[in-house]
mmCIF file of all heavy atoms, coordinates in Angstrom:
data_MODEL
# 
_entry.id   MODEL 
# 
loop_
_atom_site.group_PDB 
_atom_site.id 
_atom_site.type_symbol 
_atom_site.label_atom_id 
_atom_site.label_alt_id 
_atom_site.label_comp_id 
_atom_site.label_asym_id 
_atom_site.label_entity_id 
_atom_site.label_seq_id 
_atom_site.pdbx_PDB_ins_code 
_atom_site.Cartn_x 
_atom_site.Cartn_y 
_atom_site.Cartn_z 
_atom_site.occupancy 
_atom_site.B_iso_or_equiv 
_atom_site.pdbx_formal_charge 
_atom_site.auth_seq_id 
_atom_site.auth_comp_id 
_atom_site.auth_asym_id 
_atom_site.auth_atom_id 
_atom_site.pdbx_PDB_model_num 
ATOM 1   N N   . PRO A 1 1  ? 0.755   -1.181  -0.080  1.00 0.00 ? 1  PRO A N   1 
ATOM 2   C CA  . PRO A 1 1  ? -0.011  -0.049  0.062   1.00 0.00 ? 1  PRO A CA  1 
ATOM 3   C C   . PRO A 1 1  ? 0.872   1.350   0.025   1.00 0.00 ? 1  PRO A C   1 
ATOM 4   O O   . PRO A 1 1  ? 0.529   2.289   -0.633  1.00 0.00 ? 1  PRO A O   1 
ATOM 5   C CB  . PRO A 1 1  ? -0.828  -0.064  1.236   1.00 0.00 ? 1  PRO A CB  1 
ATOM 6   C CG  . PRO A 1 1  ? -0.964  -1.570  1.432   1.00 0.00 ? 1  PRO A CG  1 
ATOM 7   C CD  . PRO A 1 1  ? 0.347   -2.219  0.952   1.00 0.00 ? 1  PRO A CD  1 
ATOM 8   N N   . PRO A 1 2  ? 1.985   1.355   0.676   1.00 0.00 ? 2  PRO A N   1 
ATOM 9   C CA  . PRO A 1 2  ? 2.768   2.613   0.520   1.00 0.00 ? 2  PRO A CA  1 
ATOM 10  C C   . PRO A 1 2  ? 3.139   2.986   -0.743  1.00 0.00 ? 2  PRO A C   1 
ATOM 11  O O   . PRO A 1 2  ? 3.370   4.204   -0.976  1.00 0.00 ? 2  PRO A O   1 
ATOM 12  C CB  . PRO A 1 2  ? 4.020   2.346   1.505   1.00 0.00 ? 2  PRO A CB  1 
ATOM 13  C CG  . PRO A 1 2  ? 3.434   1.335   2.484   1.00 0.00 ? 2  PRO A CG  1 
ATOM 14  C CD  . PRO A 1 2  ? 2.523   0.450   1.854   1.00 0.00 ? 2  PRO A CD  1 
ATOM 15  N N   . VAL A 1 3  ? 3.284   1.967   -1.591  1.00 0.00 ? 3  VAL A N   1 
ATOM 16  C CA  . VAL A 1 3  ? 3.793   2.250   -2.962  1.00 0.00 ? 3  VAL A CA  1 
ATOM 17  C C   . VAL A 1 3  ? 2.682   3.018   -3.709  1.00 0.00 ? 3  VAL A C   1 
ATOM 18  O O   . VAL A 1 3  ? 2.930   3.857   -4.670  1.00 0.00 ? 3  VAL A O   1 
ATOM 19  C CB  . VAL A 1 3  ? 4.074   0.981   -3.791  1.00 0.00 ? 3  VAL A CB  1 
ATOM 20  C CG1 . VAL A 1 3  ? 4.347   1.266   -5.142  1.00 0.00 ? 3  VAL A CG1 1 
ATOM 21  C CG2 . VAL A 1 3  ? 5.322   0.288   -3.129  1.00 0.00 ? 3  VAL A CG2 1 
ATOM 22  N N   . LEU A 1 4  ? 1.385   2.891   -3.307  1.00 0.00 ? 4  LEU A N   1 
ATOM 23  C CA  . LEU A 1 4  ? 0.308   3.561   -4.114  1.00 0.00 ? 4  LEU A CA  1 
ATOM 24  C C   . LEU A 1 4  ? -0.028  4.897   -3.410  1.00 0.00 ? 4  LEU A C   1 
ATOM 25  O O   . LEU A 1 4  ? -0.956  5.591   -4.010  1.00 0.00 ? 4  LEU A O   1 
ATOM 26  C CB  . LEU A 1 4  ? -0.924  2.532   -3.962  1.00 0.00 ? 4  LEU A CB  1 
ATOM 27  C CG  . LEU A 1 4  ? -0.853  1.216   -4.635  1.00 0.00 ? 4  LEU A CG  1 
ATOM 28  C CD1 . LEU A 1 4  ? -2.160  0.491   -4.281  1.00 0.00 ? 4  LEU A CD1 1 
ATOM 29  C CD2 . LEU A 1 4  ? -0.641  1.478   -6.063  1.00 0.00 ? 4  LEU A CD2 1 
ATOM 30  N N   . VAL A 1 5  ? 0.626   5.371   -2.535  1.00 0.00 ? 5  VAL A N   1 
ATOM 31  C CA  . VAL A 1 5  ? 0.417   6.694   -2.046  1.00 0.00 ? 5  VAL A CA  1 
ATOM 32  C C   . VAL A 1 5  ? 0.494   7.771   -3.022  1.00 0.00 ? 5  VAL A C   1 
ATOM 33  O O   . VAL A 1 5  ? -0.230  8.680   -3.068  1.00 0.00 ? 5  VAL A O   1 
ATOM 34  C CB  . VAL A 1 5  ? 1.413   6.912   -0.661  1.00 0.00 ? 5  VAL A CB  1 
ATOM 35  C CG1 . VAL A 1 5  ? 1.351   8.415   -0.288  1.00 0.00 ? 5  VAL A CG1 1 
ATOM 36  C CG2 . VAL A 1 5  ? 0.985   6.068   0.432   1.00 0.00 ? 5  VAL A CG2 1 
ATOM 37  N N   . PRO A 1 6  ? 1.772   7.692   -3.810  1.00 0.00 ? 6  PRO A N   1 
ATOM 38  C CA  . PRO A 1 6  ? 1.703   8.844   -4.837  1.00 0.00 ? 6  PRO A CA  1 
ATOM 39  C C   . PRO A 1 6  ? 0.485   8.726   -5.853  1.00 0.00 ? 6  PRO A C   1 
ATOM 40  O O   . PRO A 1 6  ? -0.014  9.801   -6.275  1.00 0.00 ? 6  PRO A O   1 
ATOM 41  C CB  . PRO A 1 6  ? 3.014   8.441   -5.579  1.00 0.00 ? 6  PRO A CB  1 
ATOM 42  C CG  . PRO A 1 6  ? 3.782   7.704   -4.667  1.00 0.00 ? 6  PRO A CG  1 
ATOM 43  C CD  . PRO A 1 6  ? 2.803   6.933   -3.838  1.00 0.00 ? 6  PRO A CD  1 
ATOM 44  N N   . VAL A 1 7  ? 0.048   7.523   -6.169  1.00 0.00 ? 7  VAL A N   1 
ATOM 45  C CA  . VAL A 1 7  ? -1.030  7.400   -7.080  1.00 0.00 ? 7  VAL A CA  1 
ATOM 46  C C   . VAL A 1 7  ? -2.360  7.935   -6.477  1.00 0.00 ? 7  VAL A C   1 
ATOM 47  O O   . VAL A 1 7  ? -3.025  8.631   -7.165  1.00 0.00 ? 7  VAL A O   1 
ATOM 48  C CB  . VAL A 1 7  ? -1.265  5.785   -7.408  1.00 0.00 ? 7  VAL A CB  1 
ATOM 49  C CG1 . VAL A 1 7  ? -2.542  5.656   -8.287  1.00 0.00 ? 7  VAL A CG1 1 
ATOM 50  C CG2 . VAL A 1 7  ? -0.032  5.287   -8.071  1.00 0.00 ? 7  VAL A CG2 1 
ATOM 51  N N   . PHE A 1 8  ? -2.616  7.604   -5.168  1.00 0.00 ? 8  PHE A N   1 
ATOM 52  C CA  . PHE A 1 8  ? -3.812  8.204   -4.602  1.00 0.00 ? 8  PHE A CA  1 
ATOM 53  C C   . PHE A 1 8  ? -3.649  9.729   -4.284  1.00 0.00 ? 8  PHE A C   1 
ATOM 54  O O   . PHE A 1 8  ? -4.632  10.387  -4.333  1.00 0.00 ? 8  PHE A O   1 
ATOM 55  C CB  . PHE A 1 8  ? -3.942  7.525   -3.166  1.00 0.00 ? 8  PHE A CB  1 
ATOM 56  C CG  . PHE A 1 8  ? -4.395  6.046   -3.211  1.00 0.00 ? 8  PHE A CG  1 
ATOM 57  C CD1 . PHE A 1 8  ? -3.797  5.108   -2.480  1.00 0.00 ? 8  PHE A CD1 1 
ATOM 58  C CD2 . PHE A 1 8  ? -5.212  5.685   -4.308  1.00 0.00 ? 8  PHE A CD2 1 
ATOM 59  C CE1 . PHE A 1 8  ? -4.183  3.742   -2.603  1.00 0.00 ? 8  PHE A CE1 1 
ATOM 60  C CE2 . PHE A 1 8  ? -5.512  4.276   -4.326  1.00 0.00 ? 8  PHE A CE2 1 
ATOM 61  C CZ  . PHE A 1 8  ? -5.096  3.312   -3.544  1.00 0.00 ? 8  PHE A CZ  1 
ATOM 62  N N   . LEU A 1 9  ? -2.402  10.233  -4.167  1.00 0.00 ? 9  LEU A N   1 
ATOM 63  C CA  . LEU A 1 9  ? -2.298  11.660  -4.142  1.00 0.00 ? 9  LEU A CA  1 
ATOM 64  C C   . LEU A 1 9  ? -2.550  12.311  -5.376  1.00 0.00 ? 9  LEU A C   1 
ATOM 65  O O   . LEU A 1 9  ? -3.304  13.360  -5.473  1.00 0.00 ? 9  LEU A O   1 
ATOM 66  C CB  . LEU A 1 9  ? -0.708  11.936  -3.814  1.00 0.00 ? 9  LEU A CB  1 
ATOM 67  C CG  . LEU A 1 9  ? -0.276  12.087  -2.348  1.00 0.00 ? 9  LEU A CG  1 
ATOM 68  C CD1 . LEU A 1 9  ? 1.139   12.299  -2.235  1.00 0.00 ? 9  LEU A CD1 1 
ATOM 69  C CD2 . LEU A 1 9  ? -1.066  13.225  -1.647  1.00 0.00 ? 9  LEU A CD2 1 
ATOM 70  N N   . VAL A 1 10 ? -2.346  11.665  -6.489  1.00 0.00 ? 10 VAL A N   1 
ATOM 71  C CA  . VAL A 1 10 ? -2.669  12.299  -7.771  1.00 0.00 ? 10 VAL A CA  1 
ATOM 72  C C   . VAL A 1 10 ? -4.224  12.172  -8.026  1.00 0.00 ? 10 VAL A C   1 
ATOM 73  O O   . VAL A 1 10 ? -4.832  13.122  -8.527  1.00 0.00 ? 10 VAL A O   1 
ATOM 74  C CB  . VAL A 1 10 ? -1.891  11.539  -8.976  1.00 0.00 ? 10 VAL A CB  1 
ATOM 75  C CG1 . VAL A 1 10 ? -2.442  11.939  -10.253 1.00 0.00 ? 10 VAL A CG1 1 
ATOM 76  C CG2 . VAL A 1 10 ? -0.433  11.829  -8.845  1.00 0.00 ? 10 VAL A CG2 1 
ATOM 77  N N   . LEU A 1 11 ? -4.722  10.959  -7.660  1.00 0.00 ? 11 LEU A N   1 
ATOM 78  C CA  . LEU A 1 11 ? -6.173  10.903  -7.939  1.00 0.00 ? 11 LEU A CA  1 
ATOM 79  C C   . LEU A 1 11 ? -7.105  11.500  -6.937  1.00 0.00 ? 11 LEU A C   1 
ATOM 80  O O   . LEU A 1 11 ? -8.093  12.144  -7.352  1.00 0.00 ? 11 LEU A O   1 
ATOM 81  C CB  . LEU A 1 11 ? -6.435  9.276   -7.836  1.00 0.00 ? 11 LEU A CB  1 
ATOM 82  C CG  . LEU A 1 11 ? -5.790  8.466   -8.911  1.00 0.00 ? 11 LEU A CG  1 
ATOM 83  C CD1 . LEU A 1 11 ? -6.270  7.062   -8.646  1.00 0.00 ? 11 LEU A CD1 1 
ATOM 84  C CD2 . LEU A 1 11 ? -6.285  8.817   -10.317 1.00 0.00 ? 11 LEU A CD2 1 
ATOM 85  N N   . LEU A 1 12 ? -6.680  11.637  -5.611  1.00 0.00 ? 12 LEU A N   1 
ATOM 86  C CA  . LEU A 1 12 ? -7.617  12.205  -4.674  1.00 0.00 ? 12 LEU A CA  1 
ATOM 87  C C   . LEU A 1 12 ? -7.059  13.432  -4.047  1.00 0.00 ? 12 LEU A C   1 
ATOM 88  O O   . LEU A 1 12 ? -7.811  14.201  -3.383  1.00 0.00 ? 12 LEU A O   1 
ATOM 89  C CB  . LEU A 1 12 ? -7.715  11.083  -3.461  1.00 0.00 ? 12 LEU A CB  1 
ATOM 90  C CG  . LEU A 1 12 ? -8.346  9.854   -4.029  1.00 0.00 ? 12 LEU A CG  1 
ATOM 91  C CD1 . LEU A 1 12 ? -8.305  8.803   -2.731  1.00 0.00 ? 12 LEU A CD1 1 
ATOM 92  C CD2 . LEU A 1 12 ? -9.753  9.953   -4.501  1.00 0.00 ? 12 LEU A CD2 1 
ATOM 93  N N   . GLY A 1 13 ? -5.767  13.706  -4.324  1.00 0.00 ? 13 GLY A N   1 
ATOM 94  C CA  . GLY A 1 13 ? -5.280  14.959  -3.847  1.00 0.00 ? 13 GLY A CA  1 
ATOM 95  C C   . GLY A 1 13 ? -4.853  14.859  -2.220  1.00 0.00 ? 13 GLY A C   1 
ATOM 96  O O   . GLY A 1 13 ? -4.982  13.743  -1.612  1.00 0.00 ? 13 GLY A O   1 
ATOM 97  N N   . ILE A 1 14 ? -4.353  15.886  -1.727  1.00 0.00 ? 14 ILE A N   1 
ATOM 98  C CA  . ILE A 1 14 ? -3.933  15.903  -0.174  1.00 0.00 ? 14 ILE A CA  1 
ATOM 99  C C   . ILE A 1 14 ? -5.142  16.018  0.641   1.00 0.00 ? 14 ILE A C   1 
ATOM 100 O O   . ILE A 1 14 ? -5.967  16.885  0.387   1.00 0.00 ? 14 ILE A O   1 
ATOM 101 C CB  . ILE A 1 14 ? -2.869  17.010  -0.051  1.00 0.00 ? 14 ILE A CB  1 
ATOM 102 C CG1 . ILE A 1 14 ? -1.628  16.917  -0.811  1.00 0.00 ? 14 ILE A CG1 1 
ATOM 103 C CG2 . ILE A 1 14 ? -2.549  17.091  1.447   1.00 0.00 ? 14 ILE A CG2 1 
ATOM 104 C CD1 . ILE A 1 14 ? -0.631  18.030  -0.716  1.00 0.00 ? 14 ILE A CD1 1 
ATOM 105 N N   . GLY A 1 15 ? -5.138  15.176  1.576   1.00 0.00 ? 15 GLY A N   1 
ATOM 106 C CA  . GLY A 1 15 ? -6.274  15.235  2.619   1.00 0.00 ? 15 GLY A CA  1 
ATOM 107 C C   . GLY A 1 15 ? -6.646  13.905  3.042   1.00 0.00 ? 15 GLY A C   1 
ATOM 108 O O   . GLY A 1 15 ? -6.095  12.771  2.716   1.00 0.00 ? 15 GLY A O   1 
ATOM 109 N N   . ALA A 1 16 ? -7.806  13.911  3.839   1.00 0.00 ? 16 ALA A N   1 
ATOM 110 C CA  . ALA A 1 16 ? -8.285  12.644  4.525   1.00 0.00 ? 16 ALA A CA  1 
ATOM 111 C C   . ALA A 1 16 ? -8.796  11.631  3.504   1.00 0.00 ? 16 ALA A C   1 
ATOM 112 O O   . ALA A 1 16 ? -8.423  10.430  3.762   1.00 0.00 ? 16 ALA A O   1 
ATOM 113 C CB  . ALA A 1 16 ? -9.517  13.066  5.407   1.00 0.00 ? 16 ALA A CB  1 
ATOM 114 N N   . PRO A 1 17 ? -9.437  11.926  2.389   1.00 0.00 ? 17 PRO A N   1 
ATOM 115 C CA  . PRO A 1 17 ? -9.843  10.855  1.384   1.00 0.00 ? 17 PRO A CA  1 
ATOM 116 C C   . PRO A 1 17 ? -8.523  10.041  1.050   1.00 0.00 ? 17 PRO A C   1 
ATOM 117 O O   . PRO A 1 17 ? -8.684  8.815   0.851   1.00 0.00 ? 17 PRO A O   1 
ATOM 118 C CB  . PRO A 1 17 ? -10.389 11.621  0.300   1.00 0.00 ? 17 PRO A CB  1 
ATOM 119 C CG  . PRO A 1 17 ? -10.943 12.876  0.927   1.00 0.00 ? 17 PRO A CG  1 
ATOM 120 C CD  . PRO A 1 17 ? -9.948  13.248  1.944   1.00 0.00 ? 17 PRO A CD  1 
ATOM 121 N N   . MET A 1 18 ? -7.449  10.549  0.693   1.00 0.00 ? 18 MET A N   1 
ATOM 122 C CA  . MET A 1 18 ? -6.311  9.853   0.295   1.00 0.00 ? 18 MET A CA  1 
ATOM 123 C C   . MET A 1 18 ? -5.876  8.962   1.331   1.00 0.00 ? 18 MET A C   1 
ATOM 124 O O   . MET A 1 18 ? -5.527  7.868   1.115   1.00 0.00 ? 18 MET A O   1 
ATOM 125 C CB  . MET A 1 18 ? -5.168  10.927  -0.143  1.00 0.00 ? 18 MET A CB  1 
ATOM 126 C CG  . MET A 1 18 ? -3.843  10.057  -0.650  1.00 0.00 ? 18 MET A CG  1 
ATOM 127 S SD  . MET A 1 18 ? -2.701  9.681   0.585   1.00 0.00 ? 18 MET A SD  1 
ATOM 128 C CE  . MET A 1 18 ? -2.228  11.284  1.239   1.00 0.00 ? 18 MET A CE  1 
ATOM 129 N N   . GLN A 1 19 ? -5.739  9.529   2.564   1.00 0.00 ? 19 GLN A N   1 
ATOM 130 C CA  . GLN A 1 19 ? -5.276  8.782   3.726   1.00 0.00 ? 19 GLN A CA  1 
ATOM 131 C C   . GLN A 1 19 ? -6.193  7.521   4.046   1.00 0.00 ? 19 GLN A C   1 
ATOM 132 O O   . GLN A 1 19 ? -5.588  6.418   4.299   1.00 0.00 ? 19 GLN A O   1 
ATOM 133 C CB  . GLN A 1 19 ? -5.064  9.683   4.921   1.00 0.00 ? 19 GLN A CB  1 
ATOM 134 C CG  . GLN A 1 19 ? -3.838  10.722  4.610   1.00 0.00 ? 19 GLN A CG  1 
ATOM 135 C CD  . GLN A 1 19 ? -4.149  11.910  5.431   1.00 0.00 ? 19 GLN A CD  1 
ATOM 136 O OE1 . GLN A 1 19 ? -5.212  12.149  6.106   1.00 0.00 ? 19 GLN A OE1 1 
ATOM 137 N NE2 . GLN A 1 19 ? -3.176  12.800  5.370   1.00 0.00 ? 19 GLN A NE2 1 
ATOM 138 N N   . ILE A 1 20 ? -7.492  7.750   4.070   1.00 0.00 ? 20 ILE A N   1 
ATOM 139 C CA  . ILE A 1 20 ? -8.350  6.702   4.330   1.00 0.00 ? 20 ILE A CA  1 
ATOM 140 C C   . ILE A 1 20 ? -8.394  5.698   3.311   1.00 0.00 ? 20 ILE A C   1 
ATOM 141 O O   . ILE A 1 20 ? -8.394  4.539   3.546   1.00 0.00 ? 20 ILE A O   1 
ATOM 142 C CB  . ILE A 1 20 ? -9.772  7.373   4.350   1.00 0.00 ? 20 ILE A CB  1 
ATOM 143 C CG1 . ILE A 1 20 ? -9.896  8.209   5.740   1.00 0.00 ? 20 ILE A CG1 1 
ATOM 144 C CG2 . ILE A 1 20 ? -10.851 6.183   4.602   1.00 0.00 ? 20 ILE A CG2 1 
ATOM 145 C CD1 . ILE A 1 20 ? -11.145 9.025   5.869   1.00 0.00 ? 20 ILE A CD1 1 
ATOM 146 N N   . THR A 1 21 ? -8.239  6.004   1.971   1.00 0.00 ? 21 THR A N   1 
ATOM 147 C CA  . THR A 1 21 ? -8.069  5.124   0.915   1.00 0.00 ? 21 THR A CA  1 
ATOM 148 C C   . THR A 1 21 ? -6.915  4.087   1.087   1.00 0.00 ? 21 THR A C   1 
ATOM 149 O O   . THR A 1 21 ? -7.036  2.978   0.733   1.00 0.00 ? 21 THR A O   1 
ATOM 150 C CB  . THR A 1 21 ? -8.062  5.877   -0.484  1.00 0.00 ? 21 THR A CB  1 
ATOM 151 O OG1 . THR A 1 21 ? -9.244  6.664   -0.534  1.00 0.00 ? 21 THR A OG1 1 
ATOM 152 C CG2 . THR A 1 21 ? -8.067  4.851   -1.534  1.00 0.00 ? 21 THR A CG2 1 
ATOM 153 N N   . VAL A 1 22 ? -5.748  4.756   1.361   1.00 0.00 ? 22 VAL A N   1 
ATOM 154 C CA  . VAL A 1 22 ? -4.713  3.919   1.702   1.00 0.00 ? 22 VAL A CA  1 
ATOM 155 C C   . VAL A 1 22 ? -4.808  2.927   2.767   1.00 0.00 ? 22 VAL A C   1 
ATOM 156 O O   . VAL A 1 22 ? -4.530  1.704   2.595   1.00 0.00 ? 22 VAL A O   1 
ATOM 157 C CB  . VAL A 1 22 ? -3.444  4.819   2.019   1.00 0.00 ? 22 VAL A CB  1 
ATOM 158 C CG1 . VAL A 1 22 ? -2.154  3.978   2.423   1.00 0.00 ? 22 VAL A CG1 1 
ATOM 159 C CG2 . VAL A 1 22 ? -3.124  5.678   0.864   1.00 0.00 ? 22 VAL A CG2 1 
ATOM 160 N N   . ILE A 1 23 ? -5.567  3.336   3.834   1.00 0.00 ? 23 ILE A N   1 
ATOM 161 C CA  . ILE A 1 23 ? -5.818  2.408   4.910   1.00 0.00 ? 23 ILE A CA  1 
ATOM 162 C C   . ILE A 1 23 ? -6.678  1.284   4.418   1.00 0.00 ? 23 ILE A C   1 
ATOM 163 O O   . ILE A 1 23 ? -6.583  0.178   4.689   1.00 0.00 ? 23 ILE A O   1 
ATOM 164 C CB  . ILE A 1 23 ? -6.465  3.120   6.121   1.00 0.00 ? 23 ILE A CB  1 
ATOM 165 C CG1 . ILE A 1 23 ? -5.357  4.100   6.652   1.00 0.00 ? 23 ILE A CG1 1 
ATOM 166 C CG2 . ILE A 1 23 ? -6.773  2.173   7.188   1.00 0.00 ? 23 ILE A CG2 1 
ATOM 167 C CD1 . ILE A 1 23 ? -5.830  5.034   7.718   1.00 0.00 ? 23 ILE A CD1 1 
ATOM 168 N N   . VAL A 1 24 ? -7.759  1.687   3.777   1.00 0.00 ? 24 VAL A N   1 
ATOM 169 C CA  . VAL A 1 24 ? -8.768  0.694   3.253   1.00 0.00 ? 24 VAL A CA  1 
ATOM 170 C C   . VAL A 1 24 ? -8.152  -0.329  2.351   1.00 0.00 ? 24 VAL A C   1 
ATOM 171 O O   . VAL A 1 24 ? -8.280  -1.553  2.500   1.00 0.00 ? 24 VAL A O   1 
ATOM 172 C CB  . VAL A 1 24 ? -9.950  1.389   2.627   1.00 0.00 ? 24 VAL A CB  1 
ATOM 173 C CG1 . VAL A 1 24 ? -10.925 0.391   1.943   1.00 0.00 ? 24 VAL A CG1 1 
ATOM 174 C CG2 . VAL A 1 24 ? -10.804 2.279   3.476   1.00 0.00 ? 24 VAL A CG2 1 
ATOM 175 N N   . PHE A 1 25 ? -7.326  0.138   1.399   1.00 0.00 ? 25 PHE A N   1 
ATOM 176 C CA  . PHE A 1 25 ? -6.755  -0.788  0.418   1.00 0.00 ? 25 PHE A CA  1 
ATOM 177 C C   . PHE A 1 25 ? -5.829  -1.709  1.127   1.00 0.00 ? 25 PHE A C   1 
ATOM 178 O O   . PHE A 1 25 ? -5.636  -2.884  0.647   1.00 0.00 ? 25 PHE A O   1 
ATOM 179 C CB  . PHE A 1 25 ? -6.007  -0.001  -0.729  1.00 0.00 ? 25 PHE A CB  1 
ATOM 180 C CG  . PHE A 1 25 ? -5.167  -0.831  -1.654  1.00 0.00 ? 25 PHE A CG  1 
ATOM 181 C CD1 . PHE A 1 25 ? -5.981  -1.255  -2.778  1.00 0.00 ? 25 PHE A CD1 1 
ATOM 182 C CD2 . PHE A 1 25 ? -3.878  -1.319  -1.512  1.00 0.00 ? 25 PHE A CD2 1 
ATOM 183 C CE1 . PHE A 1 25 ? -5.401  -2.035  -3.672  1.00 0.00 ? 25 PHE A CE1 1 
ATOM 184 C CE2 . PHE A 1 25 ? -3.384  -2.140  -2.480  1.00 0.00 ? 25 PHE A CE2 1 
ATOM 185 C CZ  . PHE A 1 25 ? -4.064  -2.510  -3.517  1.00 0.00 ? 25 PHE A CZ  1 
ATOM 186 N N   . GLY A 1 26 ? -5.171  -1.322  2.278   1.00 0.00 ? 26 GLY A N   1 
ATOM 187 C CA  . GLY A 1 26 ? -4.056  -2.271  2.872   1.00 0.00 ? 26 GLY A CA  1 
ATOM 188 C C   . GLY A 1 26 ? -4.698  -3.171  3.878   1.00 0.00 ? 26 GLY A C   1 
ATOM 189 O O   . GLY A 1 26 ? -4.217  -4.298  3.912   1.00 0.00 ? 26 GLY A O   1 
ATOM 190 N N   . VAL A 1 27 ? -5.925  -2.798  4.478   1.00 0.00 ? 27 VAL A N   1 
ATOM 191 C CA  . VAL A 1 27 ? -6.369  -3.671  5.515   1.00 0.00 ? 27 VAL A CA  1 
ATOM 192 C C   . VAL A 1 27 ? -7.484  -4.522  5.219   1.00 0.00 ? 27 VAL A C   1 
ATOM 193 O O   . VAL A 1 27 ? -8.020  -5.377  5.972   1.00 0.00 ? 27 VAL A O   1 
ATOM 194 C CB  . VAL A 1 27 ? -6.823  -2.784  6.924   1.00 0.00 ? 27 VAL A CB  1 
ATOM 195 C CG1 . VAL A 1 27 ? -5.673  -1.863  7.146   1.00 0.00 ? 27 VAL A CG1 1 
ATOM 196 C CG2 . VAL A 1 27 ? -8.017  -1.908  6.490   1.00 0.00 ? 27 VAL A CG2 1 
ATOM 197 N N   . VAL A 1 28 ? -8.061  -4.258  3.960   1.00 0.00 ? 28 VAL A N   1 
ATOM 198 C CA  . VAL A 1 28 ? -9.302  -5.039  3.609   1.00 0.00 ? 28 VAL A CA  1 
ATOM 199 C C   . VAL A 1 28 ? -9.078  -6.489  3.373   1.00 0.00 ? 28 VAL A C   1 
ATOM 200 O O   . VAL A 1 28 ? -9.854  -7.462  3.521   1.00 0.00 ? 28 VAL A O   1 
ATOM 201 C CB  . VAL A 1 28 ? -9.919  -4.380  2.405   1.00 0.00 ? 28 VAL A CB  1 
ATOM 202 C CG1 . VAL A 1 28 ? -9.117  -4.597  1.154   1.00 0.00 ? 28 VAL A CG1 1 
ATOM 203 C CG2 . VAL A 1 28 ? -11.383 -4.944  2.233   1.00 0.00 ? 28 VAL A CG2 1 
ATOM 204 N N   . TRP A 1 29 ? -7.781  -6.840  2.933   1.00 0.00 ? 29 TRP A N   1 
ATOM 205 C CA  . TRP A 1 29 ? -7.461  -8.206  2.427   1.00 0.00 ? 29 TRP A CA  1 
ATOM 206 C C   . TRP A 1 29 ? -7.465  -9.219  3.636   1.00 0.00 ? 29 TRP A C   1 
ATOM 207 O O   . TRP A 1 29 ? -8.027  -10.331 3.496   1.00 0.00 ? 29 TRP A O   1 
ATOM 208 C CB  . TRP A 1 29 ? -6.156  -8.220  1.884   1.00 0.00 ? 29 TRP A CB  1 
ATOM 209 C CG  . TRP A 1 29 ? -5.968  -7.322  0.592   1.00 0.00 ? 29 TRP A CG  1 
ATOM 210 C CD1 . TRP A 1 29 ? -5.278  -6.214  0.613   1.00 0.00 ? 29 TRP A CD1 1 
ATOM 211 C CD2 . TRP A 1 29 ? -6.874  -7.241  -0.526  1.00 0.00 ? 29 TRP A CD2 1 
ATOM 212 N NE1 . TRP A 1 29 ? -5.553  -5.404  -0.476  1.00 0.00 ? 29 TRP A NE1 1 
ATOM 213 C CE2 . TRP A 1 29 ? -6.346  -6.098  -1.239  1.00 0.00 ? 29 TRP A CE2 1 
ATOM 214 C CE3 . TRP A 1 29 ? -7.816  -8.065  -0.981  1.00 0.00 ? 29 TRP A CE3 1 
ATOM 215 C CZ2 . TRP A 1 29 ? -7.080  -5.803  -2.447  1.00 0.00 ? 29 TRP A CZ2 1 
ATOM 216 C CZ3 . TRP A 1 29 ? -8.357  -7.806  -2.243  1.00 0.00 ? 29 TRP A CZ3 1 
ATOM 217 C CH2 . TRP A 1 29 ? -8.022  -6.749  -2.943  1.00 0.00 ? 29 TRP A CH2 1 
# 
């Protein structure tokens, strides 16, 4: 999931949505 942080930054911008998306993607499995 840390590798996708730049991708989520581009897609969602800086803020809580990007951070929450990183958490969801990493912990759902």
